[in-house]
PDB file of N, CA and C in Angstrom:
ATOM      1  N   MET A   1      -8.015  55.596 222.281  1.00  0.00           N
ATOM      2  CA  MET A   1      -8.875  55.828 223.381  1.00  0.00           C
ATOM      3  C   MET A   1      -8.287  55.488 224.554  1.00  0.00           C
ATOM      4  N   ASN A   2      -8.408  56.311 225.788  1.00  0.00           N
ATOM      5  CA  ASN A   2      -7.873  55.985 226.938  1.00  0.00           C
ATOM      6  C   ASN A   2      -8.838  55.098 227.727  1.00  0.00           C
ATOM      7  N   LEU A   3      -8.363  54.509 228.863  1.00  0.00           N
ATOM      8  CA  LEU A   3      -8.849  53.683 229.715  1.00  0.00           C
ATOM      9  C   LEU A   3     -10.224  54.320 230.322  1.00  0.00           C
ATOM     10  N   ILE A   4     -10.142  55.565 230.755  1.00  0.00           N
ATOM     11  CA  ILE A   4     -11.194  56.314 231.386  1.00  0.00           C
ATOM     12  C   ILE A   4     -12.247  56.385 230.375  1.00  0.00           C
ATOM     13  N   THR A   5     -12.000  56.786 229.221  1.00  0.00           N
ATOM     14  CA  THR A   5     -13.072  56.904 228.225  1.00  0.00           C
ATOM     15  C   THR A   5     -13.847  55.704 228.006  1.00  0.00           C
ATOM     16  N   VAL A   6     -13.145  54.552 227.796  1.00  0.00           N
ATOM     17  CA  VAL A   6     -13.717  53.349 227.558  1.00  0.00           C
ATOM     18  C   VAL A   6     -14.529  52.837 228.712  1.00  0.00           C
ATOM     19  N   LEU A   7     -13.969  53.011 229.955  1.00  0.00           N
ATOM     20  CA  LEU A   7     -14.833  52.806 231.142  1.00  0.00           C
ATOM     21  C   LEU A   7     -16.058  53.595 231.356  1.00  0.00           C
ATOM     22  N   ALA A   8     -16.057  54.819 230.872  1.00  0.00           N
ATOM     23  CA  ALA A   8     -17.183  55.612 230.950  1.00  0.00           C
ATOM     24  C   ALA A   8     -18.298  55.212 229.898  1.00  0.00           C
ATOM     25  N   ILE A   9     -17.809  54.874 228.899  1.00  0.00           N
ATOM     26  CA  ILE A   9     -18.755  54.418 227.840  1.00  0.00           C
ATOM     27  C   ILE A   9     -19.396  52.977 228.040  1.00  0.00           C
ATOM     28  N   ALA A  10     -18.583  52.190 228.766  1.00  0.00           N
ATOM     29  CA  ALA A  10     -18.997  50.789 228.929  1.00  0.00           C
ATOM     30  C   ALA A  10     -19.964  50.831 230.143  1.00  0.00           C
ATOM     31  N   ASN A  11     -19.868  51.672 230.956  1.00  0.00           N
ATOM     32  CA  ASN A  11     -20.623  51.649 232.238  1.00  0.00           C
ATOM     33  C   ASN A  11     -22.055  52.419 231.826  1.00  0.00           C
ATOM     34  N   ILE A  12     -22.280  52.727 230.781  1.00  0.00           N
ATOM     35  CA  ILE A  12     -23.632  53.400 230.461  1.00  0.00           C
ATOM     36  C   ILE A  12     -24.881  52.625 230.990  1.00  0.00           C
ATOM     37  N   PRO A  13     -24.866  51.098 230.922  1.00  0.00           N
ATOM     38  CA  PRO A  13     -26.063  50.585 231.484  1.00  0.00           C
ATOM     39  C   PRO A  13     -25.925  50.539 232.904  1.00  0.00           C
ATOM     40  N   VAL A  14     -24.769  50.571 233.461  1.00  0.00           N
ATOM     41  CA  VAL A  14     -24.724  50.709 235.056  1.00  0.00           C
ATOM     42  C   VAL A  14     -25.254  52.053 235.492  1.00  0.00           C
ATOM     43  N   TYR A  15     -25.023  53.120 234.706  1.00  0.00           N
ATOM     44  CA  TYR A  15     -25.624  54.267 235.015  1.00  0.00           C
ATOM     45  C   TYR A  15     -26.931  54.385 235.066  1.00  0.00           C
ATOM     46  N   LEU A  16     -27.605  53.759 233.907  1.00  0.00           N
ATOM     47  CA  LEU A  16     -29.072  53.716 233.847  1.00  0.00           C
ATOM     48  C   LEU A  16     -29.681  53.058 234.861  1.00  0.00           C
ATOM     49  N   PHE A  17     -28.965  51.848 235.255  1.00  0.00           N
ATOM     50  CA  PHE A  17     -29.561  50.971 236.609  1.00  0.00           C
ATOM     51  C   PHE A  17     -29.475  51.790 237.731  1.00  0.00           C
ATOM     52  N   CYS A  18     -28.226  52.474 238.068  1.00  0.00           N
ATOM     53  CA  CYS A  18     -28.191  53.466 239.357  1.00  0.00           C
ATOM     54  C   CYS A  18     -29.281  54.515 239.355  1.00  0.00           C
ATOM     55  N   GLY A  19     -29.590  55.052 238.155  1.00  0.00           N
ATOM     56  CA  GLY A  19     -30.444  56.092 238.242  1.00  0.00           C
ATOM     57  C   GLY A  19     -31.952  55.600 238.467  1.00  0.00           C
ATOM     58  N   TRP A  20     -32.286  54.390 237.878  1.00  0.00           N
ATOM     59  CA  TRP A  20     -33.403  53.853 238.156  1.00  0.00           C
ATOM     60  C   TRP A  20     -33.592  53.468 239.499  1.00  0.00           C
ATOM     61  N   LEU A  21     -32.610  52.966 240.314  1.00  0.00           N
ATOM     62  CA  LEU A  21     -32.645  52.618 241.641  1.00  0.00           C
ATOM     63  C   LEU A  21     -32.825  53.806 242.496  1.00  0.00           C
ATOM     64  N   VAL A  22     -32.114  54.925 242.164  1.00  0.00           N
ATOM     65  CA  VAL A  22     -32.298  56.164 242.970  1.00  0.00           C
ATOM     66  C   VAL A  22     -33.535  56.915 242.690  1.00  0.00           C
ATOM     67  N   PHE A  23     -33.953  57.217 241.650  1.00  0.00           N
ATOM     68  CA  PHE A  23     -35.040  58.021 241.147  1.00  0.00           C
ATOM     69  C   PHE A  23     -36.400  57.433 240.942  1.00  0.00           C
ATOM     70  N   ASP A  24     -36.557  56.176 240.732  1.00  0.00           N
ATOM     71  CA  ASP A  24     -37.821  55.413 240.739  1.00  0.00           C
ATOM     72  C   ASP A  24     -38.270  54.976 241.972  1.00  0.00           C
ATOM     73  N   ASN A  25     -39.149  55.838 242.734  1.00  0.00           N
ATOM     74  CA  ASN A  25     -39.584  55.490 243.955  1.00  0.00           C
ATOM     75  C   ASN A  25     -41.124  55.416 243.506  1.00  0.00           C
ATOM     76  N   LYS A  26     -41.811  54.964 244.576  1.00  0.00           N
ATOM     77  CA  LYS A  26     -43.360  54.818 244.610  1.00  0.00           C
ATOM     78  C   LYS A  26     -44.148  56.104 244.181  1.00  0.00           C
ATOM     79  N   GLY A  27     -43.610  57.355 244.622  1.00  0.00           N
ATOM     80  CA  GLY A  27     -44.243  58.459 244.361  1.00  0.00           C
ATOM     81  C   GLY A  27     -43.986  59.161 242.933  1.00  0.00           C
ATOM     82  N   ASN A  28     -42.859  58.714 242.126  1.00  0.00           N
ATOM     83  CA  ASN A  28     -42.738  59.313 240.874  1.00  0.00           C
ATOM     84  C   ASN A  28     -42.426  58.124 240.018  1.00  0.00           C
ATOM     85  N   ALA A  29     -42.889  56.836 240.196  1.00  0.00           N
ATOM     86  CA  ALA A  29     -42.472  55.827 239.378  1.00  0.00           C
ATOM     87  C   ALA A  29     -42.903  55.933 237.889  1.00  0.00           C
ATOM     88  N   GLY A  30     -42.164  55.623 237.051  1.00  0.00           N
ATOM     89  CA  GLY A  30     -42.663  55.561 235.553  1.00  0.00           C
ATOM     90  C   GLY A  30     -43.198  54.135 235.413  1.00  0.00           C
ATOM     91  N   ASP A  31     -43.860  54.061 234.280  1.00  0.00           N
ATOM     92  CA  ASP A  31     -44.434  52.689 233.911  1.00  0.00           C
ATOM     93  C   ASP A  31     -43.320  51.751 233.672  1.00  0.00           C
ATOM     94  N   THR A  32     -42.341  52.182 232.878  1.00  0.00           N
ATOM     95  CA  THR A  32     -41.359  51.225 232.475  1.00  0.00           C
ATOM     96  C   THR A  32     -40.101  51.817 233.058  1.00  0.00           C
ATOM     97  N   PHE A  33     -38.974  50.969 232.790  1.00  0.00           N
ATOM     98  CA  PHE A  33     -37.715  51.349 233.138  1.00  0.00           C
ATOM     99  C   PHE A  33     -37.329  52.343 232.069  1.00  0.00           C
ATOM    100  N   VAL A  34     -37.656  52.405 230.953  1.00  0.00           N
ATOM    101  CA  VAL A  34     -37.371  53.476 229.828  1.00  0.00           C
ATOM    102  C   VAL A  34     -37.845  54.818 230.148  1.00  0.00           C
ATOM    103  N   ASP A  35     -39.221  54.847 230.762  1.00  0.00           N
ATOM    104  CA  ASP A  35     -39.949  56.069 231.081  1.00  0.00           C
ATOM    105  C   ASP A  35     -39.228  56.715 232.235  1.00  0.00           C
ATOM    106  N   THR A  36     -38.783  56.041 233.235  1.00  0.00           N
ATOM    107  CA  THR A  36     -38.061  56.549 234.253  1.00  0.00           C
ATOM    108  C   THR A  36     -36.696  57.205 233.838  1.00  0.00           C
ATOM    109  N   ILE A  37     -36.019  56.308 232.847  1.00  0.00           N
ATOM    110  CA  ILE A  37     -34.746  56.892 232.447  1.00  0.00           C
ATOM    111  C   ILE A  37     -34.945  58.306 231.545  1.00  0.00           C
ATOM    112  N   ALA A  38     -36.047  58.269 230.952  1.00  0.00           N
ATOM    113  CA  ALA A  38     -36.419  59.489 230.019  1.00  0.00           C
ATOM    114  C   ALA A  38     -36.700  60.570 231.132  1.00  0.00           C
ATOM    115  N   ALA A  39     -37.424  60.411 232.162  1.00  0.00           N
ATOM    116  CA  ALA A  39     -37.845  61.450 232.949  1.00  0.00           C
ATOM    117  C   ALA A  39     -36.458  61.959 233.732  1.00  0.00           C
ATOM    118  N   ILE A  40     -35.608  61.127 234.102  1.00  0.00           N
ATOM    119  CA  ILE A  40     -34.280  61.555 234.683  1.00  0.00           C
ATOM    120  C   ILE A  40     -33.417  62.413 233.619  1.00  0.00           C
ATOM    121  N   LEU A  41     -33.283  61.949 232.359  1.00  0.00           N
ATOM    122  CA  LEU A  41     -32.778  62.750 231.360  1.00  0.00           C
ATOM    123  C   LEU A  41     -33.249  64.004 231.138  1.00  0.00           C
ATOM    124  N   LYS A  42     -34.659  64.136 230.978  1.00  0.00           N
ATOM    125  CA  LYS A  42     -35.438  65.258 230.869  1.00  0.00           C
ATOM    126  C   LYS A  42     -35.125  66.241 232.049  1.00  0.00           C
ATOM    127  N   MET A  43     -35.152  65.668 233.152  1.00  0.00           N
ATOM    128  CA  MET A  43     -34.800  66.565 234.515  1.00  0.00           C
ATOM    129  C   MET A  43     -33.617  67.122 234.365  1.00  0.00           C
ATOM    130  N   ILE A  44     -32.535  66.343 233.899  1.00  0.00           N
ATOM    131  CA  ILE A  44     -31.088  66.857 233.860  1.00  0.00           C
ATOM    132  C   ILE A  44     -31.018  67.713 232.643  1.00  0.00           C
ATOM    133  N   LEU A  45     -31.340  67.450 231.551  1.00  0.00           N
ATOM    134  CA  LEU A  45     -31.009  68.170 230.392  1.00  0.00           C
ATOM    135  C   LEU A  45     -31.825  69.292 229.846  1.00  0.00           C
ATOM    136  N   VAL A  46     -33.203  69.309 230.285  1.00  0.00           N
ATOM    137  CA  VAL A  46     -34.000  70.240 229.915  1.00  0.00           C
ATOM    138  C   VAL A  46     -34.083  71.464 231.018  1.00  0.00           C
ATOM    139  N   PRO A  47     -33.616  72.688 230.886  1.00  0.00           N
ATOM    140  CA  PRO A  47     -33.788  73.583 231.926  1.00  0.00           C
ATOM    141  C   PRO A  47     -35.325  73.815 232.484  1.00  0.00           C
ATOM    142  N   ARG A  48     -35.334  74.271 233.775  1.00  0.00           N
ATOM    143  CA  ARG A  48     -36.635  74.413 234.387  1.00  0.00           C
ATOM    144  C   ARG A  48     -37.347  75.389 233.730  1.00  0.00           C
ATOM    145  N   ILE A  49     -36.774  76.506 233.100  1.00  0.00           N
ATOM    146  CA  ILE A  49     -37.726  77.369 232.520  1.00  0.00           C
ATOM    147  C   ILE A  49     -38.467  76.945 231.220  1.00  0.00           C
ATOM    148  N   ILE A  50     -37.796  76.204 230.392  1.00  0.00           N
ATOM    149  CA  ILE A  50     -38.445  75.287 229.389  1.00  0.00           C
ATOM    150  C   ILE A  50     -39.375  74.551 229.738  1.00  0.00           C
ATOM    151  N   ARG A  51     -39.275  73.742 230.849  1.00  0.00           N
ATOM    152  CA  ARG A  51     -40.277  72.765 231.292  1.00  0.00           C
ATOM    153  C   ARG A  51     -41.513  73.632 231.742  1.00  0.00           C
ATOM    154  N   VAL A  52     -41.322  74.862 232.449  1.00  0.00           N
ATOM    155  CA  VAL A  52     -42.376  75.668 232.994  1.00  0.00           C
ATOM    156  C   VAL A  52     -43.188  76.227 231.739  1.00  0.00           C
ATOM    157  N   LEU A  53     -42.483  76.645 230.598  1.00  0.00           N
ATOM    158  CA  LEU A  53     -42.986  77.241 229.560  1.00  0.00           C
ATOM    159  C   LEU A  53     -43.905  76.103 228.800  1.00  0.00           C
ATOM    160  N   LEU A  54     -43.472  75.004 228.800  1.00  0.00           N
ATOM    161  CA  LEU A  54     -44.216  73.843 228.207  1.00  0.00           C
ATOM    162  C   LEU A  54     -45.254  73.259 229.075  1.00  0.00           C
ATOM    163  N   GLY A  55     -45.335  73.887 230.273  1.00  0.00           N
ATOM    164  CA  GLY A  55     -46.382  73.332 231.157  1.00  0.00           C
ATOM    165  C   GLY A  55     -46.048  71.818 231.661  1.00  0.00           C
ATOM    166  N   ASP A  56     -44.941  71.462 231.734  1.00  0.00           N
ATOM    167  CA  ASP A  56     -44.438  70.086 231.974  1.00  0.00           C
ATOM    168  C   ASP A  56     -43.702  69.974 233.376  1.00  0.00           C
ATOM    169  N   ASP A  57     -43.765  71.132 234.245  1.00  0.00           N
ATOM    170  CA  ASP A  57     -42.966  71.116 235.311  1.00  0.00           C
ATOM    171  C   ASP A  57     -43.822  70.904 236.560  1.00  0.00           C
ATOM    172  N   ASP A  58     -43.698  69.841 237.218  1.00  0.00           N
ATOM    173  CA  ASP A  58     -44.411  69.666 238.538  1.00  0.00           C
ATOM    174  C   ASP A  58     -43.471  69.754 239.635  1.00  0.00           C
ATOM    175  N   ASP A  59     -43.588  70.873 240.405  1.00  0.00           N
ATOM    176  CA  ASP A  59     -42.720  71.325 241.351  1.00  0.00           C
ATOM    177  C   ASP A  59     -43.038  70.673 242.604  1.00  0.00           C
ATOM    178  N   GLU A  60     -44.080  70.097 242.778  1.00  0.00           N
ATOM    179  CA  GLU A  60     -44.449  69.409 244.084  1.00  0.00           C
ATOM    180  C   GLU A  60     -43.566  68.201 244.322  1.00  0.00           C
ATOM    181  N   ASP A  61     -43.259  67.519 243.269  1.00  0.00           N
ATOM    182  CA  ASP A  61     -42.407  66.261 243.549  1.00  0.00           C
ATOM    183  C   ASP A  61     -40.949  66.421 243.197  1.00  0.00           C
ATOM    184  N   ALA A  62     -40.594  67.696 243.097  1.00  0.00           N
ATOM    185  CA  ALA A  62     -39.257  67.948 242.678  1.00  0.00           C
ATOM    186  C   ALA A  62     -38.316  67.615 243.893  1.00  0.00           C
ATOM    187  N   TRP A  63     -37.143  67.061 243.646  1.00  0.00           N
ATOM    188  CA  TRP A  63     -36.131  66.815 244.674  1.00  0.00           C
ATOM    189  C   TRP A  63     -34.964  67.785 244.850  1.00  0.00           C
ATOM    190  N   GLY A  64     -34.874  68.638 243.664  1.00  0.00           N
ATOM    191  CA  GLY A  64     -33.814  69.689 243.721  1.00  0.00           C
ATOM    192  C   GLY A  64     -32.568  69.056 243.169  1.00  0.00           C
ATOM    193  N   ILE A  65     -31.359  69.685 243.308  1.00  0.00           N
ATOM    194  CA  ILE A  65     -30.170  69.492 242.618  1.00  0.00           C
ATOM    195  C   ILE A  65     -29.428  68.450 243.168  1.00  0.00           C
ATOM    196  N   VAL A  66     -29.521  68.353 244.683  1.00  0.00           N
ATOM    197  CA  VAL A  66     -28.765  67.292 245.514  1.00  0.00           C
ATOM    198  C   VAL A  66     -28.765  66.001 244.903  1.00  0.00           C
ATOM    199  N   PRO A  67     -29.928  65.342 244.643  1.00  0.00           N
ATOM    200  CA  PRO A  67     -29.879  64.034 244.332  1.00  0.00           C
ATOM    201  C   PRO A  67     -29.271  63.769 242.859  1.00  0.00           C
ATOM    202  N   ILE A  68     -29.437  64.838 242.131  1.00  0.00           N
ATOM    203  CA  ILE A  68     -28.690  64.723 240.751  1.00  0.00           C
ATOM    204  C   ILE A  68     -27.331  64.698 240.830  1.00  0.00           C
ATOM    205  N   LEU A  69     -26.955  65.648 241.682  1.00  0.00           N
ATOM    206  CA  LEU A  69     -25.365  65.836 241.897  1.00  0.00           C
ATOM    207  C   LEU A  69     -24.788  64.600 242.533  1.00  0.00           C
ATOM    208  N   ALA A  70     -25.467  63.970 243.433  1.00  0.00           N
ATOM    209  CA  ALA A  70     -25.083  62.771 244.102  1.00  0.00           C
ATOM    210  C   ALA A  70     -25.129  61.540 243.084  1.00  0.00           C
ATOM    211  N   PHE A  71     -26.050  61.619 242.135  1.00  0.00           N
ATOM    212  CA  PHE A  71     -26.011  60.451 241.184  1.00  0.00           C
ATOM    213  C   PHE A  71     -24.681  60.648 240.278  1.00  0.00           C
ATOM    214  N   PHE A  72     -24.377  61.955 239.970  1.00  0.00           N
ATOM    215  CA  PHE A  72     -23.183  62.154 239.051  1.00  0.00           C
ATOM    216  C   PHE A  72     -21.796  61.958 239.817  1.00  0.00           C
ATOM    217  N   PHE A  73     -21.820  62.141 241.150  1.00  0.00           N
ATOM    218  CA  PHE A  73     -20.738  61.634 241.853  1.00  0.00           C
ATOM    219  C   PHE A  73     -20.715  60.189 241.940  1.00  0.00           C
ATOM    220  N   VAL A  74     -21.797  59.519 242.146  1.00  0.00           N
ATOM    221  CA  VAL A  74     -21.743  58.007 242.214  1.00  0.00           C
ATOM    222  C   VAL A  74     -21.204  57.432 240.920  1.00  0.00           C
ATOM    223  N   CYS A  75     -21.782  58.019 239.709  1.00  0.00           N
ATOM    224  CA  CYS A  75     -21.303  57.478 238.439  1.00  0.00           C
ATOM    225  C   CYS A  75     -19.729  57.570 238.267  1.00  0.00           C
ATOM    226  N   GLY A  76     -19.226  58.991 238.709  1.00  0.00           N
ATOM    227  CA  GLY A  76     -17.790  59.159 238.679  1.00  0.00           C
ATOM    228  C   GLY A  76     -16.962  58.293 239.523  1.00  0.00           C
ATOM    229  N   GLY A  77     -17.523  57.965 240.641  1.00  0.00           N
ATOM    230  CA  GLY A  77     -16.887  56.988 241.759  1.00  0.00           C
ATOM    231  C   GLY A  77     -16.817  55.791 241.123  1.00  0.00           C
ATOM    232  N   ILE A  78     -17.839  55.274 240.355  1.00  0.00           N
ATOM    233  CA  ILE A  78     -17.691  53.846 239.694  1.00  0.00           C
ATOM    234  C   ILE A  78     -16.512  53.787 238.647  1.00  0.00           C
ATOM    235  N   VAL A  79     -16.515  54.906 237.844  1.00  0.00           N
ATOM    236  CA  VAL A  79     -15.540  54.916 236.838  1.00  0.00           C
ATOM    237  C   VAL A  79     -14.034  54.919 237.553  1.00  0.00           C
ATOM    238  N   TYR A  80     -13.857  55.780 238.556  1.00  0.00           N
ATOM    239  CA  TYR A  80     -12.621  55.908 239.323  1.00  0.00           C
ATOM    240  C   TYR A  80     -12.299  54.741 239.981  1.00  0.00           C
ATOM    241  N   GLY A  81     -13.278  53.986 240.661  1.00  0.00           N
ATOM    242  CA  GLY A  81     -13.015  52.745 241.324  1.00  0.00           C
ATOM    243  C   GLY A  81     -12.567  51.702 240.382  1.00  0.00           C
ATOM    244  N   GLU A  82     -13.259  51.512 239.262  1.00  0.00           N
ATOM    245  CA  GLU A  82     -12.757  50.583 238.348  1.00  0.00           C
ATOM    246  C   GLU A  82     -11.396  50.770 237.544  1.00  0.00           C
ATOM    247  N   TYR A  83     -11.181  52.083 237.484  1.00  0.00           N
ATOM    248  CA  TYR A  83      -9.789  52.587 237.081  1.00  0.00           C
ATOM    249  C   TYR A  83      -8.760  52.353 237.954  1.00  0.00           C
ATOM    250  N   TYR A  84      -9.048  52.547 239.150  1.00  0.00           N
ATOM    251  CA  TYR A  84      -7.973  52.252 240.163  1.00  0.00           C
ATOM    252  C   TYR A  84      -7.760  50.824 240.258  1.00  0.00           C
ATOM    253  N   LEU A  85      -8.823  49.886 240.286  1.00  0.00           N
ATOM    254  CA  LEU A  85      -8.626  48.584 240.462  1.00  0.00           C
ATOM    255  C   LEU A  85      -7.714  47.960 239.204  1.00  0.00           C
ATOM    256  N   ILE A  86      -8.241  48.502 237.941  1.00  0.00           N
ATOM    257  CA  ILE A  86      -7.333  47.922 236.875  1.00  0.00           C
ATOM    258  C   ILE A  86      -5.918  48.371 236.910  1.00  0.00           C
ATOM    259  N   GLN A  87      -5.679  49.539 237.198  1.00  0.00           N
ATOM    260  CA  GLN A  87      -4.334  49.983 237.403  1.00  0.00           C
ATOM    261  C   GLN A  87      -3.525  49.332 238.444  1.00  0.00           C
ATOM    262  N   LYS A  88      -4.170  49.065 239.664  1.00  0.00           N
ATOM    263  CA  LYS A  88      -3.505  48.406 240.716  1.00  0.00           C
ATOM    264  C   LYS A  88      -3.278  46.961 240.418  1.00  0.00           C
ATOM    265  N   TYR A  89      -4.119  46.116 239.884  1.00  0.00           N
ATOM    266  CA  TYR A  89      -4.004  44.721 239.680  1.00  0.00           C
ATOM    267  C   TYR A  89      -3.709  44.132 238.277  1.00  0.00           C
ATOM    268  N   TRP A  90      -3.782  45.064 237.307  1.00  0.00           N
ATOM    269  CA  TRP A  90      -3.553  44.736 235.996  1.00  0.00           C
ATOM    270  C   TRP A  90      -2.677  45.255 235.003  1.00  0.00           C
ATOM    271  N   HIS A  91      -2.076  46.466 235.943  1.00  0.00           N
ATOM    272  CA  HIS A  91      -1.046  47.280 235.164  1.00  0.00           C
ATOM    273  C   HIS A  91       0.289  46.943 235.448  1.00  0.00           C
TER     274      HIS A  91
END
């Protein structure tokens, strides 16, 4: 297994924490950390048309795709930064 894969898997708790910080505000806060993460994953993984058909789409508080893309870029930046530091100082 290469180093980037190991870093991507090892950082899953960091991604969850960053997602909780970014998406859990007073307007759409879940009762628990797990509720917030489940809502984020549902928003990312379930297409909007399916949410509309199931009656689970609240468009009033929707942020759009920009915060989700920013979240993915931050997660990628975390892995890249760690990889860069490991390659620079320990390789």
